[in-house]
């Protein structure tokens, strides 16, 4: 009888333990089911609060374009027209890079060629207004995309600066004089490369920011190219020939005194050697044969 009661009590305790275990499992599942939702919500909000804006690449920020322009205008007063163009360029923030004006009473001999440097954003305005000053003959605009070159130079500059910082760190840790000299040599080489890249970067930036515009001015009845290419070629060839002859004569005149001195010194020596060589050689004496 006691054994039956003991078994009944043991069974009851086991059932109560199982019920408690099931309840704890359901509570834990409920708690773990809510937790991922809160975590996902937190993960979704965190990047918006902590992420920093990234720099725009060449596609979003715009391409690096080098633009050049050329105008040909026909008018009577080339000098006055050139002055108006200079004033226009100055008003738009530009200047005259080169100027060649040849005026005269002869229509064929008068011409003008002026190269302006204007801000790139003002190039269209300059060319449009300049075309109203006289008869427009030709207008040309060219554009070159240098974005790849700009990006490449910037990347190489960034890499070189990082390399220079690492070399400076190695210099602080260098112990012997030989190590310090080797590290300084590497640092000097990297700095030279960096200066060259910085100069190229500045040149690219200037080419993008400013646009050259070449304006050719001619008179009525004159072509846009006032100079005959054949005559120009012959004239330049003649000038080159004259410069070559002048250089050759200068070289001969500079070497002539030295040649005279060397000739005065070498002539007696050569004459003596010539006499010595041409002197008759005495016949060789033959020994008589002795009879046995």
Protein backbone atom coordinates (compact mmCIF):
# COMPACT_ATOMS: atom_id res chain seq x y z
CA UNK A 1 0.00 0.00 0.00
CA UNK A 2 2.82 2.36 0.92
CA UNK A 3 4.60 1.43 -2.29
CA UNK A 4 1.56 2.44 -4.36
CA UNK A 5 1.35 5.83 -2.58
CA UNK A 6 5.04 6.43 -3.14
CA UNK A 7 4.71 5.68 -6.87
CA UNK A 8 1.70 8.01 -7.12
CA UNK A 9 3.58 10.86 -5.42
CA UNK A 10 6.62 10.33 -7.64
CA UNK A 11 4.47 10.37 -10.75
CA UNK A 12 2.80 13.61 -9.61
CA UNK A 13 6.18 15.30 -9.02
CA UNK A 14 7.40 14.23 -12.45
CA UNK A 15 4.27 15.63 -14.11
CA UNK A 16 4.62 18.95 -12.25
CA UNK A 17 8.28 19.20 -13.28
CA UNK A 18 7.44 18.57 -16.91
CA UNK A 19 4.69 21.21 -16.82
CA UNK A 20 7.10 23.77 -15.38
CA UNK A 21 9.73 22.94 -17.95
CA UNK A 22 7.23 23.36 -20.80
CA UNK A 23 6.14 26.76 -19.43
CA UNK A 24 9.70 28.00 -19.18
CA UNK A 25 10.38 26.85 -22.73
CA UNK A 26 7.37 28.76 -24.09
CA UNK A 27 8.36 31.88 -22.16
CA UNK A 28 11.90 31.69 -23.48
CA UNK A 29 10.63 31.20 -27.02
CA UNK A 30 8.39 34.25 -26.67
CA UNK A 31 11.25 36.35 -25.36
CA UNK A 32 13.62 35.14 -28.09
CA UNK A 33 10.96 35.81 -30.75
CA UNK A 34 10.69 39.46 -29.74
CA UNK A 35 14.40 40.02 -29.51
CA UNK A 36 15.30 39.60 -33.22
CA UNK A 37 12.67 42.13 -34.24
CA UNK A 38 14.12 44.71 -31.88
CA UNK A 39 17.62 43.90 -33.09
CA UNK A 40 16.66 44.27 -36.75
CA UNK A 41 14.99 47.55 -36.03
CA UNK A 42 18.12 48.75 -34.28
CA UNK A 43 20.33 47.52 -37.11
CA UNK A 44 18.22 49.38 -39.62
CA UNK A 45 18.43 52.69 -37.74
CA UNK A 46 22.06 52.57 -36.74
CA UNK A 47 23.69 52.99 -40.17
CA UNK A 48 21.59 56.10 -40.91
CA UNK A 49 22.87 57.74 -37.75
CA UNK A 50 26.53 56.75 -37.98
CA UNK A 51 27.35 56.52 -41.71
CA UNK A 52 29.35 59.42 -43.17
CA UNK A 53 28.61 60.85 -46.62
CA UNK A 54 30.96 59.51 -49.27
CA UNK A 55 32.68 61.60 -51.93
CA UNK A 56 31.12 61.70 -55.35
CA UNK A 57 33.01 59.93 -58.10
CA UNK A 58 33.75 61.38 -61.53
CA UNK A 59 30.41 60.16 -62.90
CA UNK A 60 28.30 61.90 -60.24
CA UNK A 61 30.47 64.99 -59.76
CA UNK A 62 31.07 65.65 -63.48
CA UNK A 63 33.78 64.90 -66.01
CA UNK A 64 37.06 66.79 -66.37
CA UNK A 65 36.90 68.34 -69.84
CA UNK A 66 39.58 70.40 -71.58
CA UNK A 67 37.98 72.74 -74.14
CA UNK A 68 39.60 74.84 -76.86
CA UNK A 69 38.06 77.24 -79.34
CA UNK A 70 38.98 78.96 -82.61
CA UNK A 71 37.37 81.87 -84.44
CA UNK A 72 37.98 83.46 -87.82
CA UNK A 73 36.57 86.97 -88.27
CA UNK A 74 36.64 89.25 -91.30
CA UNK A 75 36.62 93.03 -90.87
CA UNK A 76 38.11 96.28 -92.17
CA UNK A 77 39.81 97.67 -89.04
CA UNK A 78 41.90 94.83 -87.65
CA UNK A 79 43.58 96.98 -84.99
CA UNK A 80 40.28 98.28 -83.61
CA UNK A 81 38.75 94.80 -83.74
CA UNK A 82 41.70 93.36 -81.80
CA UNK A 83 41.29 96.05 -79.13
CA UNK A 84 37.60 95.23 -78.70
CA UNK A 85 38.44 91.55 -78.33
CA UNK A 86 41.03 92.34 -75.66
CA UNK A 87 38.48 94.35 -73.70
CA UNK A 88 35.95 91.52 -74.00
CA UNK A 89 38.45 88.99 -72.70
CA UNK A 90 39.38 91.18 -69.73
CA UNK A 91 35.71 91.72 -68.88
CA UNK A 92 35.15 87.95 -68.77
CA UNK A 93 38.24 87.29 -66.64
CA UNK A 94 40.60 86.38 -69.46
CA UNK A 95 43.84 87.73 -70.89
CA UNK A 96 45.93 87.74 -74.07
CA UNK A 97 48.31 84.77 -74.19
CA UNK A 98 49.94 85.68 -77.51
CA UNK A 99 49.34 88.28 -80.18
CA UNK A 100 50.61 88.82 -83.71
CA UNK A 101 49.20 91.71 -85.72
CA UNK A 102 50.50 92.76 -89.12
CA UNK A 103 48.77 95.83 -90.48
CA UNK A 104 49.33 97.80 -93.65
CA UNK A 105 47.69 99.41 -96.64
CA UNK A 106 48.02 96.24 -98.69
CA UNK A 107 45.03 93.98 -98.11
CA UNK A 108 47.05 90.84 -98.67
CA UNK A 109 49.73 91.73 -96.10
CA UNK A 110 47.38 92.68 -93.24
CA UNK A 111 46.49 89.95 -90.76
CA UNK A 112 46.13 89.31 -87.05
CA UNK A 113 46.27 86.23 -84.88
CA UNK A 114 45.49 86.50 -81.17
CA UNK A 115 45.29 83.72 -78.61
CA UNK A 116 43.14 84.42 -75.55
CA UNK A 117 42.92 82.49 -72.31
CA UNK A 118 39.47 82.73 -70.76
CA UNK A 119 37.71 80.81 -67.99
CA UNK A 120 36.22 77.59 -69.32
CA UNK A 121 32.71 78.56 -68.23
CA UNK A 122 33.02 81.86 -70.14
CA UNK A 123 34.36 80.44 -73.41
CA UNK A 124 30.96 80.15 -75.09
CA UNK A 125 30.01 83.69 -74.05
CA UNK A 126 33.32 85.05 -75.36
CA UNK A 127 33.00 83.33 -78.73
CA UNK A 128 29.34 84.27 -79.14
CA UNK A 129 29.90 87.97 -78.43
CA UNK A 130 33.14 88.11 -80.44
CA UNK A 131 31.28 86.76 -83.48
CA UNK A 132 29.06 89.89 -83.40
CA UNK A 133 32.01 92.27 -83.78
CA UNK A 134 32.71 91.31 -87.40
CA UNK A 135 31.77 88.83 -90.10
CA UNK A 136 32.07 85.30 -88.77
CA UNK A 137 34.03 83.05 -91.13
CA UNK A 138 34.62 79.90 -89.06
CA UNK A 139 33.99 78.76 -85.52
CA UNK A 140 35.51 75.61 -84.02
CA UNK A 141 35.20 74.09 -80.54
CA UNK A 142 37.01 70.96 -79.41
CA UNK A 143 36.67 69.06 -76.12
CA UNK A 144 38.96 66.42 -74.63
CA UNK A 145 37.99 64.23 -71.68
CA UNK A 146 40.90 64.02 -69.21
CA UNK A 147 38.96 62.47 -66.33
CA UNK A 148 41.00 59.27 -66.40
CA UNK A 149 44.25 61.21 -66.25
CA UNK A 150 42.99 63.33 -63.35
CA UNK A 151 41.85 60.29 -61.38
CA UNK A 152 45.11 58.46 -62.09
CA UNK A 153 47.23 61.39 -60.90
CA UNK A 154 45.15 61.80 -57.75
CA UNK A 155 45.49 58.08 -56.93
CA UNK A 156 49.25 58.15 -57.48
CA UNK A 157 49.60 61.26 -55.31
CA UNK A 158 47.64 59.59 -52.53
CA UNK A 159 49.77 56.44 -52.77
CA UNK A 160 53.03 58.41 -52.76
CA UNK A 161 51.99 60.41 -49.70
CA UNK A 162 51.24 57.21 -47.83
CA UNK A 163 54.59 55.78 -48.92
CA UNK A 164 56.38 58.93 -47.73
CA UNK A 165 54.73 58.66 -44.31
CA UNK A 166 55.85 55.04 -44.02
CA UNK A 167 59.41 55.96 -45.01
CA UNK A 168 59.48 58.73 -42.40
CA UNK A 169 58.38 56.21 -39.79
CA UNK A 170 61.21 53.89 -40.87
CA UNK A 171 63.66 56.78 -40.63
CA UNK A 172 62.75 57.29 -36.98
CA UNK A 173 63.40 53.60 -36.31
CA UNK A 174 66.62 53.39 -38.34
CA UNK A 175 69.64 52.72 -36.16
CA UNK A 176 72.82 52.79 -38.19
CA UNK A 177 74.06 55.59 -40.41
CA UNK A 178 73.85 53.34 -43.47
CA UNK A 179 70.18 52.62 -42.80
CA UNK A 180 69.45 56.32 -42.33
CA UNK A 181 71.22 57.21 -45.60
CA UNK A 182 69.32 54.53 -47.51
CA UNK A 183 65.99 55.66 -46.08
CA UNK A 184 66.78 59.31 -46.85
CA UNK A 185 67.58 58.37 -50.45
CA UNK A 186 64.23 56.61 -50.79
CA UNK A 187 62.47 59.57 -49.20
CA UNK A 188 64.12 62.04 -51.58
CA UNK A 189 63.13 59.95 -54.59
CA UNK A 190 59.51 59.68 -53.43
CA UNK A 191 59.31 63.43 -52.76
CA UNK A 192 60.64 64.19 -56.24
CA UNK A 193 58.00 61.95 -57.78
CA UNK A 194 55.35 63.61 -55.63
CA UNK A 195 56.41 67.11 -56.73
CA UNK A 196 56.26 66.04 -60.38
CA UNK A 197 52.78 64.60 -59.92
CA UNK A 198 51.62 67.73 -58.09
CA UNK A 199 52.88 69.85 -60.98
CA UNK A 200 51.04 67.63 -63.46
CA UNK A 201 47.89 67.83 -61.34
CA UNK A 202 48.10 71.62 -61.35
CA UNK A 203 48.62 71.67 -65.12
CA UNK A 204 45.56 69.47 -65.62
CA UNK A 205 43.51 71.66 -63.30
CA UNK A 206 44.58 74.80 -65.18
CA UNK A 207 43.77 73.17 -68.51
CA UNK A 208 40.29 72.27 -67.25
CA UNK A 209 39.62 75.63 -65.60
CA UNK A 210 40.79 77.80 -68.50
CA UNK A 211 40.14 77.53 -72.22
CA UNK A 212 42.38 78.88 -75.00
CA UNK A 213 40.59 80.64 -77.85
CA UNK A 214 42.53 81.50 -81.00
CA UNK A 215 41.07 84.36 -83.06
CA UNK A 216 42.24 84.97 -86.63
CA UNK A 217 41.39 88.37 -88.13
CA UNK A 218 41.44 88.97 -91.88
CA UNK A 219 40.31 91.75 -94.18
CA UNK A 220 37.61 91.50 -96.86
CA UNK A 221 38.75 89.54 -99.88
CA UNK A 222 41.33 87.67 -97.84
CA UNK A 223 41.19 83.98 -96.87
CA UNK A 224 41.12 82.76 -93.32
CA UNK A 225 44.74 81.67 -93.71
CA UNK A 226 46.55 84.80 -94.93
CA UNK A 227 49.89 83.02 -95.30
CA UNK A 228 50.59 80.62 -98.12
CA UNK A 229 51.79 77.33 -96.59
CA UNK A 230 54.31 76.83 -99.41
CA UNK A 231 55.82 80.26 -98.95
CA UNK A 232 55.87 79.82 -95.18
CA UNK A 233 57.67 76.49 -95.56
CA UNK A 234 60.25 77.95 -97.94
CA UNK A 235 60.82 80.92 -95.67
CA UNK A 236 61.36 78.71 -92.62
CA UNK A 237 63.68 76.40 -94.58
CA UNK A 238 65.74 79.40 -95.74
CA UNK A 239 65.97 80.70 -92.18
CA UNK A 240 67.07 77.27 -90.95
CA UNK A 241 69.75 77.12 -93.69
CA UNK A 242 71.04 80.55 -92.72
CA UNK A 243 71.23 79.55 -89.07
CA UNK A 244 73.10 76.36 -89.99
CA UNK A 245 75.62 78.28 -92.10
CA UNK A 246 76.11 80.83 -89.33
CA UNK A 247 76.69 78.07 -86.80
CA UNK A 248 79.16 76.29 -89.09
CA UNK A 249 81.15 79.48 -89.74
CA UNK A 250 81.21 80.26 -86.03
CA UNK A 251 82.53 76.78 -85.30
CA UNK A 252 85.22 77.07 -87.97
CA UNK A 253 86.28 80.50 -86.73
CA UNK A 254 86.55 79.18 -83.18
CA UNK A 255 88.68 76.17 -84.16
CA UNK A 256 90.92 77.93 -86.68
CA UNK A 257 93.42 79.46 -84.14
CA UNK A 258 93.87 76.10 -82.43
CA UNK A 259 94.39 74.41 -85.81
CA UNK A 260 97.12 76.93 -86.76
CA UNK A 261 98.98 76.43 -83.48
CA UNK A 262 98.80 72.66 -83.78
CA UNK A 263 99.98 72.89 -87.39
CA UNK A 264 103.03 74.96 -86.44
CA UNK A 265 103.93 72.42 -83.78
CA UNK A 266 103.24 69.31 -85.81
CA UNK A 267 104.86 70.44 -89.09
CA UNK A 268 108.53 70.17 -87.98
CA UNK A 269 107.90 66.83 -86.34
CA UNK A 270 106.22 65.41 -89.42
CA UNK A 271 108.98 66.81 -91.67
CA UNK A 272 111.67 65.21 -89.54
CA UNK A 273 109.89 61.87 -89.57
CA UNK A 274 109.46 62.09 -93.33
CA UNK A 275 113.18 62.76 -93.87
CA UNK A 276 114.11 59.92 -91.61
CA UNK A 277 111.81 57.56 -93.45
CA UNK A 278 112.99 58.61 -96.92
CA UNK A 279 116.74 58.37 -96.09
CA UNK A 280 118.55 55.61 -98.18
CA UNK A 281 119.35 52.49 -96.28
CA UNK A 282 123.00 51.32 -96.62
CA UNK A 283 123.36 47.96 -98.36
CA UNK A 284 123.92 45.05 -96.10
CA UNK A 285 127.45 43.61 -96.13
CA UNK A 286 127.70 39.95 -97.16
CA UNK A 287 130.14 37.71 -95.40
CA UNK A 288 132.58 35.75 -97.62
CA UNK A 289 132.13 32.04 -97.70
CA UNK A 290 134.96 30.16 -96.04
CA UNK A 291 136.15 27.03 -97.80
CA UNK A 292 136.62 24.01 -95.66
